[in-house]
Amino acid sequence: MRHIISLLMENEAGALSRVAGLFSARGYNIESLIVAPTEDPTLSRMTLVTVGSDEVIEQITKQLNKLIEVVKIVDLSEGDHIERELMLVKVRAIGEDREEIKRLADIFRGSIIDVTDKSYTIELTGTSSKLDAFLETIQRNMILETIRTGASGLGRGERILKE
């Protein structure tokens, strides 16, 4: 099962490498990883996506809790949460395809952020499945380049990650 794990951790050199090392040492895969400082400059928030059984996720959580830099952990997948991912996709846009691509970008609530005479760069934000659906809708031979941030998320309502 897919899990989005959010960690509050000390904002210091080497913290990211210790978390990544923990995963690689145990043979666990990180599908996506986002790290950035929080409103408190001494803390960073790390959001990672991984796949595993409940037992594997429990082991990961226990191991992460042992790291000195980790202040708090929450598995966002265990409750209501809001999840978003950002994608930039550059597509071939020539002739009649230009209008079709504009129409698809509008349908998926994307924005065309760069235009040349042969391509469009489209920015899309949404759930991973929404971004996957957009890529499936665009013909594969039209996609020139794609970059995705990976999932980022927050608990819904009063559910927060604080010290």
Protein backbone atom coordinates (compact mmCIF):
# COMPACT_ATOMS: atom_id res chain seq x y z
CA MET A 1 0.00 0.00 0.00
CA ARG A 2 1.16 3.55 -0.78
CA HIS A 3 1.99 5.75 2.24
CA ILE A 4 2.75 9.45 2.54
CA ILE A 5 4.96 9.96 5.57
CA SER A 6 5.54 13.45 6.90
CA LEU A 7 8.40 14.19 9.28
CA LEU A 8 9.26 17.26 11.28
CA MET A 9 13.02 17.29 11.73
CA GLU A 10 15.87 19.52 12.80
CA ASN A 11 17.09 21.69 9.94
CA GLU A 12 20.74 20.65 9.95
CA ALA A 13 23.36 19.25 7.61
CA GLY A 14 23.25 15.48 7.14
CA ALA A 15 19.69 14.91 8.40
CA LEU A 16 18.39 14.07 4.91
CA SER A 17 21.22 11.64 4.24
CA ARG A 18 20.54 9.79 7.51
CA VAL A 19 16.88 9.32 6.58
CA ALA A 20 17.76 8.18 3.05
CA GLY A 21 20.44 5.87 4.49
CA LEU A 22 17.91 4.29 6.82
CA PHE A 23 15.71 3.40 3.84
CA SER A 24 18.52 2.09 1.64
CA ALA A 25 20.12 0.04 4.43
CA ARG A 26 16.85 -1.86 4.87
CA GLY A 27 16.05 -2.20 1.17
CA TYR A 28 13.04 0.13 1.26
CA ASN A 29 12.34 2.38 -1.71
CA ILE A 30 11.47 6.06 -1.55
CA GLU A 31 9.17 6.89 -4.48
CA SER A 32 9.33 10.65 -3.92
CA LEU A 33 10.93 12.99 -1.43
CA ILE A 34 10.41 16.66 -0.63
CA VAL A 35 12.31 18.61 2.03
CA ALA A 36 12.02 22.30 2.87
CA PRO A 37 12.33 24.57 5.91
CA THR A 38 9.13 25.30 7.86
CA GLU A 39 7.86 28.52 9.39
CA ASP A 40 10.41 27.78 12.15
CA PRO A 41 13.88 28.08 10.53
CA THR A 42 15.32 25.48 12.92
CA LEU A 43 12.96 22.81 11.57
CA SER A 44 12.41 21.21 8.17
CA ARG A 45 9.46 19.21 6.95
CA MET A 46 10.18 16.10 4.93
CA THR A 47 7.41 14.41 2.99
CA LEU A 48 8.18 11.05 1.45
CA VAL A 49 6.14 8.51 -0.43
CA THR A 50 6.87 4.83 -0.07
CA VAL A 51 5.07 1.55 -0.66
CA GLY A 52 4.85 -1.24 1.86
CA SER A 53 2.63 -3.34 4.07
CA ASP A 54 1.42 -1.98 7.40
CA GLU A 55 4.16 -4.00 9.12
CA VAL A 56 6.88 -2.50 6.91
CA ILE A 57 5.56 1.04 7.47
CA GLU A 58 5.46 0.40 11.22
CA GLN A 59 9.12 -0.69 11.10
CA ILE A 60 10.06 2.38 9.04
CA THR A 61 8.29 4.65 11.54
CA LYS A 62 10.03 3.01 14.51
CA GLN A 63 13.43 3.35 12.84
CA LEU A 64 12.79 6.99 11.90
CA ASN A 65 11.77 7.77 15.49
CA LYS A 66 15.21 6.55 16.63
CA LEU A 67 16.98 9.23 14.60
CA ILE A 68 18.00 12.15 16.81
CA GLU A 69 17.04 14.78 14.20
CA VAL A 70 13.44 13.55 13.87
CA VAL A 71 11.04 15.55 16.05
CA LYS A 72 7.70 14.06 14.96
CA ILE A 73 6.33 11.64 12.35
CA VAL A 74 2.86 11.17 10.92
CA ASP A 75 1.64 8.78 8.24
CA LEU A 76 -0.79 11.04 6.38
CA SER A 77 -2.30 8.01 4.65
CA GLU A 78 -3.80 6.85 7.97
CA GLY A 79 -6.38 9.63 8.01
CA ASP A 80 -8.00 12.40 6.02
CA HIS A 81 -5.40 14.45 4.22
CA ILE A 82 -4.89 16.83 1.34
CA GLU A 83 -2.35 15.73 -1.24
CA ARG A 84 -0.90 17.67 -4.16
CA GLU A 85 1.88 17.21 -6.66
CA LEU A 86 3.31 19.66 -9.18
CA MET A 87 4.25 18.62 -12.72
CA LEU A 88 5.83 20.52 -15.58
CA VAL A 89 5.47 18.84 -18.95
CA LYS A 90 6.88 20.05 -22.25
CA VAL A 91 4.88 18.84 -25.24
CA ARG A 92 5.31 19.07 -28.98
CA ALA A 93 2.73 21.60 -30.22
CA ILE A 94 2.68 22.00 -33.99
CA GLY A 95 -0.18 22.94 -36.30
CA GLU A 96 -3.62 21.61 -35.40
CA ASP A 97 -2.28 19.93 -32.23
CA ARG A 98 -1.80 23.35 -30.57
CA GLU A 99 -5.53 23.91 -30.02
CA GLU A 100 -6.09 20.35 -28.79
CA ILE A 101 -3.26 20.67 -26.26
CA LYS A 102 -4.66 24.01 -25.03
CA ARG A 103 -8.07 22.37 -24.63
CA LEU A 104 -6.60 19.44 -22.65
CA ALA A 105 -4.61 21.80 -20.41
CA ASP A 106 -7.85 23.68 -19.66
CA ILE A 107 -9.79 20.48 -18.94
CA PHE A 108 -7.12 19.41 -16.42
CA ARG A 109 -6.91 22.96 -15.03
CA GLY A 110 -3.33 23.33 -16.13
CA SER A 111 -1.55 26.49 -17.21
CA ILE A 112 0.57 26.93 -20.29
CA ILE A 113 3.61 28.72 -18.87
CA ASP A 114 5.93 28.75 -21.89
CA VAL A 115 5.17 28.87 -25.60
CA THR A 116 7.44 28.43 -28.59
CA ASP A 117 6.54 27.86 -32.22
CA LYS A 118 7.04 24.08 -31.69
CA SER A 119 6.19 23.40 -28.03
CA TYR A 120 4.16 24.28 -24.94
CA THR A 121 5.28 23.85 -21.35
CA ILE A 122 2.30 23.09 -19.12
CA GLU A 123 2.12 23.36 -15.33
CA LEU A 124 -0.33 21.04 -13.57
CA THR A 125 -1.08 20.62 -9.88
CA GLY A 126 -3.21 17.91 -8.34
CA THR A 127 -3.21 14.38 -7.06
CA SER A 128 -0.80 11.88 -8.57
CA SER A 129 -3.69 10.13 -10.32
CA LYS A 130 -4.81 13.39 -11.96
CA LEU A 131 -1.31 14.01 -13.31
CA ASP A 132 -1.08 10.40 -14.51
CA ALA A 133 -4.42 10.82 -16.29
CA PHE A 134 -3.17 13.93 -18.09
CA LEU A 135 -0.06 12.08 -19.29
CA GLU A 136 -2.19 9.17 -20.50
CA THR A 137 -4.45 11.57 -22.41
CA ILE A 138 -1.59 13.27 -24.24
CA GLN A 139 -0.15 11.13 -27.04
CA ARG A 140 3.19 9.66 -25.93
CA ASN A 141 5.02 10.89 -29.02
CA MET A 142 4.01 14.48 -28.11
CA ILE A 143 5.68 14.45 -24.67
CA LEU A 144 9.17 15.91 -24.87
CA GLU A 145 10.07 16.21 -21.20
CA THR A 146 8.42 15.77 -17.79
CA ILE A 147 9.35 16.66 -14.22
CA ARG A 148 7.28 15.96 -11.09
CA THR A 149 7.79 17.08 -7.50
CA GLY A 150 6.29 14.03 -5.84
CA ALA A 151 3.42 14.15 -3.38
CA SER A 152 3.19 16.78 -0.69
CA GLY A 153 0.44 16.74 1.89
CA LEU A 154 -1.16 18.00 5.06
CA GLY A 155 -3.67 16.47 7.41
CA ARG A 156 -7.20 17.81 7.02
CA GLY A 157 -8.88 19.98 9.62
CA GLU A 158 -7.28 20.14 13.06
CA ARG A 159 -4.76 17.38 12.31
CA ILE A 160 -1.33 19.09 12.36
CA LEU A 161 2.31 18.11 12.60
CA LYS A 162 3.88 20.16 15.40
CA GLU A 163 6.56 19.61 18.01
